Amino acid sequence: MARTRPRISLNAAPPPANDPEPVIEVPAIPRSSPLKVIRNKCLDCTNNQPREVYLCAAKTCPLWPWRMGVRPEHRKQAKANEDALRVAAGLKPKYQYINMSEDSDED
């Protein structure tokens, strides 16, 4: 007795897959630095108003020091560098990060 192959109809639905759950494709999320993510969160919190982010009064927020998109320790270093340049040019320091004591040891 000859074996016959089952007939496949072109109009029939494909057989169900054996996978218990369908595969869900997730769109790729662009990578961002943590500082950009924090800045975007702060902008979202203030209805996309950069001035309101700058004037933010929520100082108890854990993101507050990073709200401007800059690390706080880098901001202090930048101010110290600016003060050093001002002192070198013979001007008074703006942020007082440079010690300008009058009692120097010049003889």
N, C-alpha and C. Protein backbone atom coordinates (compact mmCIF):
# COMPACT_ATOMS: atom_id res chain seq x y z
N MET A 1 0.83 -1.16 0.00
CA MET A 1 0.00 0.00 0.00
C MET A 1 0.89 1.24 0.00
N ALA A 2 0.65 2.13 -0.89
CA ALA A 2 1.46 3.34 -1.04
C ALA A 2 0.97 4.44 -0.10
N ARG A 3 1.94 5.13 0.45
CA ARG A 3 1.58 6.24 1.35
C ARG A 3 1.30 7.47 0.50
N THR A 4 0.29 8.15 0.87
CA THR A 4 -0.04 9.38 0.15
C THR A 4 0.21 10.58 1.07
N ARG A 5 0.63 11.63 0.48
CA ARG A 5 0.88 12.85 1.25
C ARG A 5 -0.43 13.60 1.41
N PRO A 6 -0.58 14.27 2.57
CA PRO A 6 -1.82 15.04 2.75
C PRO A 6 -1.85 16.21 1.77
N ARG A 7 -3.01 16.52 1.33
CA ARG A 7 -3.17 17.63 0.39
C ARG A 7 -3.17 18.95 1.15
N ILE A 8 -2.48 19.93 0.65
CA ILE A 8 -2.42 21.26 1.27
C ILE A 8 -3.26 22.20 0.44
N SER A 9 -4.22 22.81 1.08
CA SER A 9 -5.09 23.75 0.40
C SER A 9 -4.47 25.14 0.48
N LEU A 10 -4.53 25.88 -0.59
CA LEU A 10 -3.97 27.23 -0.62
C LEU A 10 -4.84 28.21 0.16
N ASN A 11 -6.10 27.88 0.38
CA ASN A 11 -7.01 28.78 1.07
C ASN A 11 -7.08 28.50 2.58
N ALA A 12 -6.44 27.47 3.03
CA ALA A 12 -6.53 27.10 4.44
C ALA A 12 -5.60 27.97 5.28
N ALA A 13 -5.97 28.20 6.52
CA ALA A 13 -5.13 28.97 7.44
C ALA A 13 -3.91 28.14 7.82
N PRO A 14 -2.80 28.80 8.10
CA PRO A 14 -1.61 28.04 8.48
C PRO A 14 -1.85 27.34 9.82
N PRO A 15 -1.18 26.26 10.04
CA PRO A 15 -1.38 25.56 11.30
C PRO A 15 -0.89 26.42 12.47
N PRO A 16 -1.50 26.30 13.63
CA PRO A 16 -1.08 27.12 14.77
C PRO A 16 0.35 26.77 15.18
N ALA A 17 1.05 27.78 15.62
CA ALA A 17 2.43 27.56 16.07
C ALA A 17 2.43 26.87 17.42
N ASN A 18 3.50 26.19 17.71
CA ASN A 18 3.60 25.48 18.98
C ASN A 18 4.08 26.39 20.11
N ASP A 19 4.38 27.65 19.81
CA ASP A 19 4.85 28.57 20.84
C ASP A 19 3.70 28.91 21.77
N PRO A 20 3.93 28.83 23.09
CA PRO A 20 2.84 29.13 24.02
C PRO A 20 2.51 30.62 24.08
N GLU A 21 3.50 31.50 23.86
CA GLU A 21 3.26 32.94 23.90
C GLU A 21 3.74 33.57 22.60
N PRO A 22 3.02 34.56 22.11
CA PRO A 22 3.50 35.24 20.89
C PRO A 22 4.74 36.07 21.20
N VAL A 23 5.58 36.23 20.21
CA VAL A 23 6.79 37.02 20.36
C VAL A 23 6.42 38.49 20.14
N ILE A 24 6.80 39.31 21.09
CA ILE A 24 6.50 40.74 21.01
C ILE A 24 7.79 41.46 20.69
N GLU A 25 7.78 42.22 19.63
CA GLU A 25 8.96 42.98 19.25
C GLU A 25 8.91 44.34 19.93
N VAL A 26 9.97 44.66 20.64
CA VAL A 26 10.07 45.93 21.33
C VAL A 26 10.96 46.84 20.51
N PRO A 27 10.49 48.06 20.24
CA PRO A 27 11.35 48.96 19.46
C PRO A 27 12.61 49.31 20.24
N ALA A 28 13.67 49.53 19.51
CA ALA A 28 14.95 49.86 20.13
C ALA A 28 14.87 51.23 20.78
N ILE A 29 15.35 51.33 21.99
CA ILE A 29 15.35 52.59 22.72
C ILE A 29 16.72 53.23 22.54
N PRO A 30 16.76 54.48 22.09
CA PRO A 30 18.06 55.11 21.92
C PRO A 30 18.74 55.28 23.27
N ARG A 31 20.03 55.04 23.31
CA ARG A 31 20.77 55.15 24.56
C ARG A 31 21.04 56.61 24.86
N SER A 32 20.95 56.95 26.13
CA SER A 32 21.20 58.31 26.59
C SER A 32 22.06 58.25 27.84
N SER A 33 22.77 59.32 28.08
CA SER A 33 23.56 59.37 29.31
C SER A 33 22.61 59.62 30.48
N PRO A 34 23.00 59.21 31.68
CA PRO A 34 22.13 59.45 32.84
C PRO A 34 21.83 60.93 33.06
N LEU A 35 22.80 61.81 32.77
CA LEU A 35 22.56 63.24 32.95
C LEU A 35 21.50 63.76 31.98
N LYS A 36 21.49 63.25 30.76
CA LYS A 36 20.47 63.67 29.80
C LYS A 36 19.10 63.16 30.21
N VAL A 37 19.06 61.95 30.76
CA VAL A 37 17.79 61.40 31.22
C VAL A 37 17.24 62.23 32.37
N ILE A 38 18.12 62.62 33.31
CA ILE A 38 17.69 63.44 34.44
C ILE A 38 17.22 64.81 33.94
N ARG A 39 17.97 65.40 33.03
CA ARG A 39 17.57 66.70 32.48
C ARG A 39 16.21 66.62 31.80
N ASN A 40 15.98 65.56 31.01
CA ASN A 40 14.69 65.39 30.35
C ASN A 40 13.56 65.18 31.35
N LYS A 41 13.83 64.47 32.44
CA LYS A 41 12.82 64.28 33.48
C LYS A 41 12.46 65.61 34.12
N CYS A 42 13.48 66.44 34.39
CA CYS A 42 13.23 67.75 34.97
C CYS A 42 12.45 68.65 34.01
N LEU A 43 12.79 68.58 32.74
CA LEU A 43 12.03 69.35 31.75
C LEU A 43 10.58 68.87 31.68
N ASP A 44 10.38 67.57 31.78
CA ASP A 44 9.04 67.02 31.78
C ASP A 44 8.26 67.49 33.01
N CYS A 45 8.94 67.54 34.14
CA CYS A 45 8.31 67.97 35.39
C CYS A 45 7.88 69.44 35.33
N THR A 46 8.62 70.26 34.59
CA THR A 46 8.33 71.70 34.51
C THR A 46 7.66 72.09 33.20
N ASN A 47 7.03 71.11 32.53
CA ASN A 47 6.30 71.38 31.29
C ASN A 47 7.22 71.96 30.21
N ASN A 48 8.43 71.39 30.10
CA ASN A 48 9.42 71.77 29.08
C ASN A 48 9.80 73.25 29.14
N GLN A 49 9.95 73.77 30.34
CA GLN A 49 10.37 75.15 30.53
C GLN A 49 11.77 75.17 31.17
N PRO A 50 12.84 75.39 30.37
CA PRO A 50 14.19 75.36 30.92
C PRO A 50 14.40 76.38 32.05
N ARG A 51 13.76 77.52 31.96
CA ARG A 51 13.90 78.53 33.02
C ARG A 51 13.33 78.01 34.33
N GLU A 52 12.22 77.25 34.27
CA GLU A 52 11.62 76.68 35.47
C GLU A 52 12.51 75.59 36.07
N VAL A 53 13.24 74.88 35.22
CA VAL A 53 14.20 73.89 35.74
C VAL A 53 15.28 74.62 36.52
N TYR A 54 15.75 75.73 35.98
CA TYR A 54 16.79 76.52 36.65
C TYR A 54 16.28 77.07 37.99
N LEU A 55 15.01 77.50 38.02
CA LEU A 55 14.43 78.09 39.23
C LEU A 55 13.76 77.06 40.13
N CYS A 56 13.95 75.80 39.88
CA CYS A 56 13.26 74.73 40.61
C CYS A 56 13.43 74.89 42.12
N ALA A 57 12.31 74.86 42.83
CA ALA A 57 12.33 75.02 44.28
C ALA A 57 12.22 73.69 45.01
N ALA A 58 12.12 72.60 44.29
CA ALA A 58 11.96 71.27 44.90
C ALA A 58 13.33 70.73 45.31
N LYS A 59 13.93 71.36 46.30
CA LYS A 59 15.29 70.99 46.70
C LYS A 59 15.34 69.65 47.42
N THR A 60 14.20 69.09 47.79
CA THR A 60 14.19 67.76 48.41
C THR A 60 14.16 66.66 47.36
N CYS A 61 14.00 67.03 46.10
CA CYS A 61 14.00 66.05 45.01
C CYS A 61 15.40 65.45 44.89
N PRO A 62 15.51 64.12 44.79
CA PRO A 62 16.84 63.52 44.69
C PRO A 62 17.58 63.89 43.40
N LEU A 63 16.87 64.35 42.39
CA LEU A 63 17.50 64.72 41.12
C LEU A 63 17.92 66.19 41.08
N TRP A 64 17.58 66.97 42.09
CA TRP A 64 17.77 68.41 42.06
C TRP A 64 19.22 68.83 41.75
N PRO A 65 20.24 68.22 42.35
CA PRO A 65 21.61 68.68 42.04
C PRO A 65 22.01 68.48 40.57
N TRP A 66 21.39 67.54 39.89
CA TRP A 66 21.75 67.22 38.50
C TRP A 66 20.75 67.80 37.50
N ARG A 67 19.82 68.65 37.93
CA ARG A 67 18.73 69.12 37.07
C ARG A 67 19.19 69.89 35.86
N MET A 68 20.37 70.51 35.92
CA MET A 68 20.87 71.32 34.80
C MET A 68 21.61 70.48 33.77
N GLY A 69 21.70 69.17 33.99
CA GLY A 69 22.38 68.30 33.04
C GLY A 69 23.89 68.31 33.20
N VAL A 70 24.38 68.79 34.35
CA VAL A 70 25.81 68.87 34.63
C VAL A 70 26.04 68.27 36.01
N ARG A 71 27.14 67.57 36.16
CA ARG A 71 27.47 67.03 37.48
C ARG A 71 27.80 68.18 38.43
N PRO A 72 27.28 68.14 39.64
CA PRO A 72 27.52 69.26 40.58
C PRO A 72 29.01 69.49 40.85
N GLU A 73 29.79 68.43 40.96
CA GLU A 73 31.21 68.61 41.25
C GLU A 73 31.93 69.28 40.08
N HIS A 74 31.47 69.08 38.86
CA HIS A 74 32.09 69.74 37.71
C HIS A 74 31.75 71.22 37.68
N ARG A 75 30.55 71.56 38.14
CA ARG A 75 30.13 72.95 38.18
C ARG A 75 31.02 73.73 39.16
N LYS A 76 31.31 73.13 40.32
CA LYS A 76 32.17 73.80 41.30
C LYS A 76 33.58 73.98 40.74
N GLN A 77 34.06 72.98 40.03
CA GLN A 77 35.39 73.08 39.45
C GLN A 77 35.43 74.18 38.39
N ALA A 78 34.38 74.29 37.61
CA ALA A 78 34.33 75.34 36.58
C ALA A 78 34.32 76.72 37.23
N LYS A 79 33.59 76.86 38.35
CA LYS A 79 33.57 78.15 39.04
C LYS A 79 34.94 78.47 39.63
N ALA A 80 35.61 77.46 40.17
CA ALA A 80 36.94 77.67 40.73
C ALA A 80 37.92 78.08 39.62
N ASN A 81 37.80 77.46 38.46
CA ASN A 81 38.67 77.82 37.33
C ASN A 81 38.40 79.26 36.89
N GLU A 82 37.13 79.65 36.86
CA GLU A 82 36.79 81.02 36.46
C GLU A 82 37.36 82.02 37.48
N ASP A 83 37.27 81.69 38.78
CA ASP A 83 37.84 82.56 39.80
C ASP A 83 39.35 82.68 39.63
N ALA A 84 40.02 81.58 39.34
CA ALA A 84 41.47 81.61 39.16
C ALA A 84 41.84 82.52 37.99
N LEU A 85 41.07 82.46 36.91
CA LEU A 85 41.35 83.33 35.77
C LEU A 85 41.11 84.79 36.12
N ARG A 86 40.07 85.06 36.90
CA ARG A 86 39.78 86.45 37.30
C ARG A 86 40.90 86.99 38.19
N VAL A 87 41.39 86.18 39.14
CA VAL A 87 42.46 86.61 40.02
C VAL A 87 43.74 86.84 39.21
N ALA A 88 44.01 85.96 38.25
CA ALA A 88 45.19 86.12 37.40
C ALA A 88 45.12 87.40 36.59
N ALA A 89 43.89 87.84 36.26
CA ALA A 89 43.73 89.07 35.49
C ALA A 89 43.68 90.30 36.39
N GLY A 90 43.82 90.09 37.71
CA GLY A 90 43.81 91.23 38.64
C GLY A 90 42.41 91.64 39.07
N LEU A 91 41.41 90.80 38.85
CA LEU A 91 40.04 91.11 39.24
C LEU A 91 39.66 90.38 40.52
N LYS A 92 38.58 90.82 41.13
CA LYS A 92 38.08 90.17 42.33
C LYS A 92 37.38 88.87 41.93
N PRO A 93 37.56 87.77 42.71
CA PRO A 93 36.88 86.52 42.37
C PRO A 93 35.37 86.67 42.47
N LYS A 94 34.66 86.03 41.55
CA LYS A 94 33.21 86.13 41.50
C LYS A 94 32.55 85.17 42.48
N TYR A 95 33.07 83.98 42.61
CA TYR A 95 32.43 82.93 43.42
C TYR A 95 33.11 82.70 44.75
N GLN A 96 34.24 83.34 45.00
CA GLN A 96 34.99 83.21 46.25
C GLN A 96 35.50 81.79 46.49
N TYR A 97 35.86 81.07 45.44
CA TYR A 97 36.48 79.76 45.59
C TYR A 97 37.98 79.89 45.79
N ILE A 98 38.53 81.07 45.51
CA ILE A 98 39.95 81.32 45.68
C ILE A 98 40.13 82.11 46.96
N ASN A 99 41.07 81.70 47.80
CA ASN A 99 41.33 82.40 49.03
C ASN A 99 42.09 83.69 48.73
N MET A 100 41.49 84.80 49.05
CA MET A 100 42.09 86.11 48.76
C MET A 100 42.52 86.80 50.06
N SER A 101 43.22 86.09 50.92
CA SER A 101 43.65 86.68 52.20
C SER A 101 44.72 87.74 51.95
N GLU A 102 44.69 88.80 52.73
CA GLU A 102 45.63 89.90 52.60
C GLU A 102 46.97 89.59 53.24
N ASP A 103 46.99 88.62 54.17
CA ASP A 103 48.22 88.34 54.90
C ASP A 103 49.04 87.28 54.18
N SER A 104 49.55 87.61 53.00
CA SER A 104 50.41 86.68 52.26
C SER A 104 51.84 86.86 52.73
N ASP A 105 52.69 85.91 52.42
CA ASP A 105 54.09 85.91 52.87
C ASP A 105 55.01 86.54 51.82
N GLU A 106 54.72 87.74 51.40
CA GLU A 106 55.59 88.40 50.42
C GLU A 106 56.57 89.30 51.17
N ASP A 107 57.84 89.10 50.99
CA ASP A 107 58.88 89.91 51.66
C ASP A 107 59.67 90.69 50.66
